[in-house]
């Protein structure tokens, strides 16, 4: 008989139990880290474009005018909230910090973007549709559901492994925030 975990013959009397040494960085944790860093930092950059005009962004004054043209008044307040949600939500996801809340911030902004900007244009982004916003919201929700992985600040908290409760919290808070914003 061969012990497949070590590929060494089992000693007489039964299989040998030699647990594989725990890797510091599993493929799952490495994959989650890559997704969190790329996605989170890009979302944070998008928020910085709105708030500070960084990375070729319009800055708060121009973003506020855009928000007002969509019916968000006062535009500067809504632009600040939207920019902060993207900036802080993105940084939270990148760091794996308060992951369900960070995901909720991103989800809320994307629901607003879908309702007020892209839904009227159909599905595909090439037509100005919701495709891009849906993808962003789904990635944020998936990170809440899976948890941020071991290479994250959240590794010390109960929601480190995600789960249905963390996903429901992210979707519920994001949806509630969007509903309140849309209702104002």
C-alpha atoms as a PDB file:
ATOM      1  CA  UNK A   1       0.000   0.000   0.000  1.00  0.00           C
ATOM      2  CA  UNK A   2       1.236   3.509  -0.815  1.00  0.00           C
ATOM      3  CA  UNK A   3       0.526   6.626   1.176  1.00  0.00           C
ATOM      4  CA  UNK A   4      -0.496   9.114  -1.515  1.00  0.00           C
ATOM      5  CA  UNK A   5       0.047  12.176   0.664  1.00  0.00           C
ATOM      6  CA  UNK A   6       3.776  11.491   0.861  1.00  0.00           C
ATOM      7  CA  UNK A   7       4.269   8.863  -1.890  1.00  0.00           C
ATOM      8  CA  UNK A   8       6.193   6.744   0.583  1.00  0.00           C
ATOM      9  CA  UNK A   9       5.300   3.161   1.341  1.00  0.00           C
ATOM     10  CA  UNK A  10       3.098   2.802   4.390  1.00  0.00           C
ATOM     11  CA  UNK A  11       4.668   0.933   7.294  1.00  0.00           C
ATOM     12  CA  UNK A  12       3.339  -2.519   8.108  1.00  0.00           C
ATOM     13  CA  UNK A  13       0.203  -2.347  10.173  1.00  0.00           C
ATOM     14  CA  UNK A  14      -1.444   0.636   8.501  1.00  0.00           C
ATOM     15  CA  UNK A  15      -1.027   3.761   6.488  1.00  0.00           C
ATOM     16  CA  UNK A  16       1.455   6.355   7.619  1.00  0.00           C
ATOM     17  CA  UNK A  17       0.013   9.692   8.518  1.00  0.00           C
ATOM     18  CA  UNK A  18       2.391  12.495   7.627  1.00  0.00           C
ATOM     19  CA  UNK A  19       0.512  15.743   7.243  1.00  0.00           C
ATOM     20  CA  UNK A  20       1.906  17.924   4.534  1.00  0.00           C
ATOM     21  CA  UNK A  21       3.615  21.004   5.957  1.00  0.00           C
ATOM     22  CA  UNK A  22       1.305  23.994   5.925  1.00  0.00           C
ATOM     23  CA  UNK A  23       2.258  26.436   3.235  1.00  0.00           C
ATOM     24  CA  UNK A  24       2.544  30.056   4.269  1.00  0.00           C
ATOM     25  CA  UNK A  25       0.618  31.051   1.174  1.00  0.00           C
ATOM     26  CA  UNK A  26      -1.841  28.616  -0.330  1.00  0.00           C
ATOM     27  CA  UNK A  27      -2.972  29.022  -3.918  1.00  0.00           C
ATOM     28  CA  UNK A  28      -6.408  30.058  -2.616  1.00  0.00           C
ATOM     29  CA  UNK A  29      -4.982  32.736  -0.345  1.00  0.00           C
ATOM     30  CA  UNK A  30      -2.617  33.941  -3.059  1.00  0.00           C
ATOM     31  CA  UNK A  31      -5.457  34.122  -5.570  1.00  0.00           C
ATOM     32  CA  UNK A  32      -7.681  36.044  -3.167  1.00  0.00           C
ATOM     33  CA  UNK A  33      -4.807  38.412  -2.411  1.00  0.00           C
ATOM     34  CA  UNK A  34      -4.273  39.087  -6.125  1.00  0.00           C
ATOM     35  CA  UNK A  35      -7.971  39.737  -6.690  1.00  0.00           C
ATOM     36  CA  UNK A  36      -8.219  41.953  -3.608  1.00  0.00           C
ATOM     37  CA  UNK A  37      -5.148  44.008  -4.483  1.00  0.00           C
ATOM     38  CA  UNK A  38      -6.002  44.540  -8.154  1.00  0.00           C
ATOM     39  CA  UNK A  39      -9.702  45.103  -7.645  1.00  0.00           C
ATOM     40  CA  UNK A  40      -9.445  47.041  -4.391  1.00  0.00           C
ATOM     41  CA  UNK A  41      -6.671  49.369  -5.491  1.00  0.00           C
ATOM     42  CA  UNK A  42      -8.378  50.103  -8.807  1.00  0.00           C
ATOM     43  CA  UNK A  43     -11.626  50.919  -6.969  1.00  0.00           C
ATOM     44  CA  UNK A  44      -9.695  53.122  -4.532  1.00  0.00           C
ATOM     45  CA  UNK A  45      -8.094  54.874  -7.522  1.00  0.00           C
ATOM     46  CA  UNK A  46     -11.523  55.440  -9.024  1.00  0.00           C
ATOM     47  CA  UNK A  47     -12.599  57.092  -5.769  1.00  0.00           C
ATOM     48  CA  UNK A  48      -9.436  59.212  -5.759  1.00  0.00           C
ATOM     49  CA  UNK A  49     -10.309  60.393  -9.270  1.00  0.00           C
ATOM     50  CA  UNK A  50     -13.657  61.669  -8.002  1.00  0.00           C
ATOM     51  CA  UNK A  51     -12.385  63.197  -4.775  1.00  0.00           C
ATOM     52  CA  UNK A  52      -8.949  64.547  -5.632  1.00  0.00           C
ATOM     53  CA  UNK A  53      -8.668  64.575  -9.418  1.00  0.00           C
ATOM     54  CA  UNK A  54      -5.872  61.993  -9.267  1.00  0.00           C
ATOM     55  CA  UNK A  55      -5.105  59.572 -12.107  1.00  0.00           C
ATOM     56  CA  UNK A  56      -6.729  61.813 -14.701  1.00  0.00           C
ATOM     57  CA  UNK A  57      -9.950  62.193 -12.738  1.00  0.00           C
ATOM     58  CA  UNK A  58     -12.219  65.197 -12.784  1.00  0.00           C
ATOM     59  CA  UNK A  59     -11.937  66.054  -9.088  1.00  0.00           C
ATOM     60  CA  UNK A  60     -14.674  66.838  -6.618  1.00  0.00           C
ATOM     61  CA  UNK A  61     -16.050  70.035  -8.162  1.00  0.00           C
ATOM     62  CA  UNK A  62     -16.540  68.549 -11.642  1.00  0.00           C
ATOM     63  CA  UNK A  63     -17.786  65.245 -10.203  1.00  0.00           C
ATOM     64  CA  UNK A  64     -20.309  67.158  -8.092  1.00  0.00           C
ATOM     65  CA  UNK A  65     -21.648  68.851 -11.231  1.00  0.00           C
ATOM     66  CA  UNK A  66     -22.029  65.430 -12.846  1.00  0.00           C
ATOM     67  CA  UNK A  67     -23.901  64.130  -9.811  1.00  0.00           C
ATOM     68  CA  UNK A  68     -26.206  67.140  -9.869  1.00  0.00           C
ATOM     69  CA  UNK A  69     -26.982  66.516 -13.550  1.00  0.00           C
ATOM     70  CA  UNK A  70     -28.145  63.041 -12.493  1.00  0.00           C
ATOM     71  CA  UNK A  71     -30.455  64.535  -9.873  1.00  0.00           C
ATOM     72  CA  UNK A  72     -28.260  64.059  -6.799  1.00  0.00           C
ATOM     73  CA  UNK A  73     -28.550  67.267  -4.774  1.00  0.00           C
ATOM     74  CA  UNK A  74     -26.466  68.628  -3.231  1.00  0.00           C
ATOM     75  CA  UNK A  75     -24.048  67.259  -5.795  1.00  0.00           C
ATOM     76  CA  UNK A  76     -20.933  67.896  -3.748  1.00  0.00           C
ATOM     77  CA  UNK A  77     -22.251  65.877  -0.789  1.00  0.00           C
ATOM     78  CA  UNK A  78     -23.259  62.936  -2.970  1.00  0.00           C
ATOM     79  CA  UNK A  79     -20.002  63.059  -4.942  1.00  0.00           C
ATOM     80  CA  UNK A  80     -18.081  63.022  -1.661  1.00  0.00           C
ATOM     81  CA  UNK A  81     -20.046  60.036  -0.353  1.00  0.00           C
ATOM     82  CA  UNK A  82     -19.644  58.158  -3.646  1.00  0.00           C
ATOM     83  CA  UNK A  83     -15.941  58.934  -3.874  1.00  0.00           C
ATOM     84  CA  UNK A  84     -15.324  57.953  -0.254  1.00  0.00           C
ATOM     85  CA  UNK A  85     -17.279  54.709  -0.708  1.00  0.00           C
ATOM     86  CA  UNK A  86     -15.065  53.779  -3.654  1.00  0.00           C
ATOM     87  CA  UNK A  87     -11.841  54.956  -2.010  1.00  0.00           C
ATOM     88  CA  UNK A  88     -12.404  53.426   1.429  1.00  0.00           C
ATOM     89  CA  UNK A  89     -14.267  50.381   0.141  1.00  0.00           C
ATOM     90  CA  UNK A  90     -11.460  49.709  -2.318  1.00  0.00           C
ATOM     91  CA  UNK A  91      -8.759  50.142   0.318  1.00  0.00           C
ATOM     92  CA  UNK A  92     -10.710  47.908   2.701  1.00  0.00           C
ATOM     93  CA  UNK A  93     -10.919  45.159   0.089  1.00  0.00           C
ATOM     94  CA  UNK A  94      -7.240  45.533  -0.847  1.00  0.00           C
ATOM     95  CA  UNK A  95      -6.189  45.207   2.792  1.00  0.00           C
ATOM     96  CA  UNK A  96      -8.782  42.591   3.639  1.00  0.00           C
ATOM     97  CA  UNK A  97     -10.076  44.964   6.330  1.00  0.00           C
ATOM     98  CA  UNK A  98     -13.741  44.849   7.340  1.00  0.00           C
ATOM     99  CA  UNK A  99     -14.343  42.972   4.100  1.00  0.00           C
ATOM    100  CA  UNK A 100     -18.172  42.720   4.296  1.00  0.00           C
ATOM    101  CA  UNK A 101     -18.463  46.462   4.967  1.00  0.00           C
ATOM    102  CA  UNK A 102     -15.959  47.342   2.241  1.00  0.00           C
ATOM    103  CA  UNK A 103     -17.901  45.151  -0.184  1.00  0.00           C
ATOM    104  CA  UNK A 104     -21.158  46.829   0.883  1.00  0.00           C
ATOM    105  CA  UNK A 105     -19.718  50.256   0.071  1.00  0.00           C
ATOM    106  CA  UNK A 106     -18.768  49.145  -3.442  1.00  0.00           C
ATOM    107  CA  UNK A 107     -22.068  47.332  -4.000  1.00  0.00           C
ATOM    108  CA  UNK A 108     -24.077  50.390  -2.941  1.00  0.00           C
ATOM    109  CA  UNK A 109     -22.240  52.674  -5.348  1.00  0.00           C
ATOM    110  CA  UNK A 110     -22.645  50.196  -8.203  1.00  0.00           C
ATOM    111  CA  UNK A 111     -26.385  49.811  -7.610  1.00  0.00           C
ATOM    112  CA  UNK A 112     -26.739  53.592  -7.828  1.00  0.00           C
ATOM    113  CA  UNK A 113     -24.641  53.670 -10.993  1.00  0.00           C
ATOM    114  CA  UNK A 114     -26.772  50.944 -12.542  1.00  0.00           C
ATOM    115  CA  UNK A 115     -30.090  52.583 -11.683  1.00  0.00           C
ATOM    116  CA  UNK A 116     -29.220  56.172 -12.579  1.00  0.00           C
ATOM    117  CA  UNK A 117     -26.602  55.848 -15.308  1.00  0.00           C
ATOM    118  CA  UNK A 118     -26.317  52.530 -17.101  1.00  0.00           C
ATOM    119  CA  UNK A 119     -29.603  50.564 -16.843  1.00  0.00           C
ATOM    120  CA  UNK A 120     -31.298  52.589 -19.568  1.00  0.00           C
ATOM    121  CA  UNK A 121     -28.603  51.468 -22.013  1.00  0.00           C
ATOM    122  CA  UNK A 122     -29.069  47.719 -21.679  1.00  0.00           C
ATOM    123  CA  UNK A 123     -26.553  45.079 -20.694  1.00  0.00           C
ATOM    124  CA  UNK A 124     -23.339  45.640 -22.620  1.00  0.00           C
ATOM    125  CA  UNK A 125     -20.805  48.267 -21.615  1.00  0.00           C
ATOM    126  CA  UNK A 126     -20.086  49.041 -25.258  1.00  0.00           C
ATOM    127  CA  UNK A 127     -23.603  50.501 -25.384  1.00  0.00           C
ATOM    128  CA  UNK A 128     -23.197  52.232 -22.006  1.00  0.00           C
ATOM    129  CA  UNK A 129     -24.990  49.371 -20.252  1.00  0.00           C
ATOM    130  CA  UNK A 130     -24.751  47.738 -16.824  1.00  0.00           C
ATOM    131  CA  UNK A 131     -22.179  45.025 -17.644  1.00  0.00           C
ATOM    132  CA  UNK A 132     -19.224  46.769 -15.961  1.00  0.00           C
ATOM    133  CA  UNK A 133     -21.200  47.778 -12.863  1.00  0.00           C
ATOM    134  CA  UNK A 134     -22.623  44.271 -12.464  1.00  0.00           C
ATOM    135  CA  UNK A 135     -19.124  42.763 -12.664  1.00  0.00           C
ATOM    136  CA  UNK A 136     -17.804  45.151 -10.022  1.00  0.00           C
ATOM    137  CA  UNK A 137     -20.717  44.457  -7.663  1.00  0.00           C
ATOM    138  CA  UNK A 138     -20.409  40.693  -8.140  1.00  0.00           C
ATOM    139  CA  UNK A 139     -16.660  40.666  -7.418  1.00  0.00           C
ATOM    140  CA  UNK A 140     -17.245  42.692  -4.242  1.00  0.00           C
ATOM    141  CA  UNK A 141     -20.046  40.324  -3.179  1.00  0.00           C
ATOM    142  CA  UNK A 142     -17.909  37.277  -3.970  1.00  0.00           C
ATOM    143  CA  UNK A 143     -15.075  38.613  -1.797  1.00  0.00           C
ATOM    144  CA  UNK A 144     -17.517  39.009   1.086  1.00  0.00           C
ATOM    145  CA  UNK A 145     -18.790  35.464   0.477  1.00  0.00           C
ATOM    146  CA  UNK A 146     -15.366  33.803   0.268  1.00  0.00           C
ATOM    147  CA  UNK A 147     -13.661  35.972   2.853  1.00  0.00           C
ATOM    148  CA  UNK A 148     -10.402  37.789   2.193  1.00  0.00           C
ATOM    149  CA  UNK A 149      -8.083  34.820   2.802  1.00  0.00           C
ATOM    150  CA  UNK A 150      -5.305  34.417   5.345  1.00  0.00           C
ATOM    151  CA  UNK A 151      -3.184  37.285   4.023  1.00  0.00           C
ATOM    152  CA  UNK A 152      -5.570  39.935   5.297  1.00  0.00           C
ATOM    153  CA  UNK A 153      -6.170  42.120   8.314  1.00  0.00           C
ATOM    154  CA  UNK A 154      -9.506  40.322   8.798  1.00  0.00           C
ATOM    155  CA  UNK A 155      -7.737  37.016   9.509  1.00  0.00           C
ATOM    156  CA  UNK A 156      -8.243  37.696  13.230  1.00  0.00           C
ATOM    157  CA  UNK A 157     -12.014  38.271  12.939  1.00  0.00           C
ATOM    158  CA  UNK A 158     -14.902  35.790  12.725  1.00  0.00           C
ATOM    159  CA  UNK A 159     -15.821  36.896   9.173  1.00  0.00           C
ATOM    160  CA  UNK A 160     -12.340  35.985   7.868  1.00  0.00           C
ATOM    161  CA  UNK A 161     -13.790  32.953   6.117  1.00  0.00           C
ATOM    162  CA  UNK A 162     -16.721  34.812   4.594  1.00  0.00           C
ATOM    163  CA  UNK A 163     -19.905  32.784   4.334  1.00  0.00           C
ATOM    164  CA  UNK A 164     -23.524  33.379   3.544  1.00  0.00           C
ATOM    165  CA  UNK A 165     -23.968  35.729   6.515  1.00  0.00           C
ATOM    166  CA  UNK A 166     -21.078  37.962   5.405  1.00  0.00           C
ATOM    167  CA  UNK A 167     -22.387  37.980   1.829  1.00  0.00           C
ATOM    168  CA  UNK A 168     -25.927  38.776   3.011  1.00  0.00           C
ATOM    169  CA  UNK A 169     -24.597  41.591   5.190  1.00  0.00           C
ATOM    170  CA  UNK A 170     -22.641  43.096   2.272  1.00  0.00           C
ATOM    171  CA  UNK A 171     -25.564  42.822  -0.138  1.00  0.00           C
ATOM    172  CA  UNK A 172     -28.115  43.978   2.432  1.00  0.00           C
ATOM    173  CA  UNK A 173     -26.138  47.018   3.588  1.00  0.00           C
ATOM    174  CA  UNK A 174     -25.119  47.945   0.040  1.00  0.00           C
ATOM    175  CA  UNK A 175     -28.702  47.584  -1.164  1.00  0.00           C
ATOM    176  CA  UNK A 176     -30.102  49.548   1.782  1.00  0.00           C
ATOM    177  CA  UNK A 177     -27.577  52.364   1.288  1.00  0.00           C
ATOM    178  CA  UNK A 178     -28.422  52.491  -2.418  1.00  0.00           C
ATOM    179  CA  UNK A 179     -32.161  52.513  -1.692  1.00  0.00           C
ATOM    180  CA  UNK A 180     -31.795  55.363   0.785  1.00  0.00           C
ATOM    181  CA  UNK A 181     -29.635  57.338  -1.631  1.00  0.00           C
ATOM    182  CA  UNK A 182     -31.987  56.755  -4.534  1.00  0.00           C
ATOM    183  CA  UNK A 183     -34.952  57.720  -2.362  1.00  0.00           C
ATOM    184  CA  UNK A 184     -33.526  61.097  -1.390  1.00  0.00           C
END
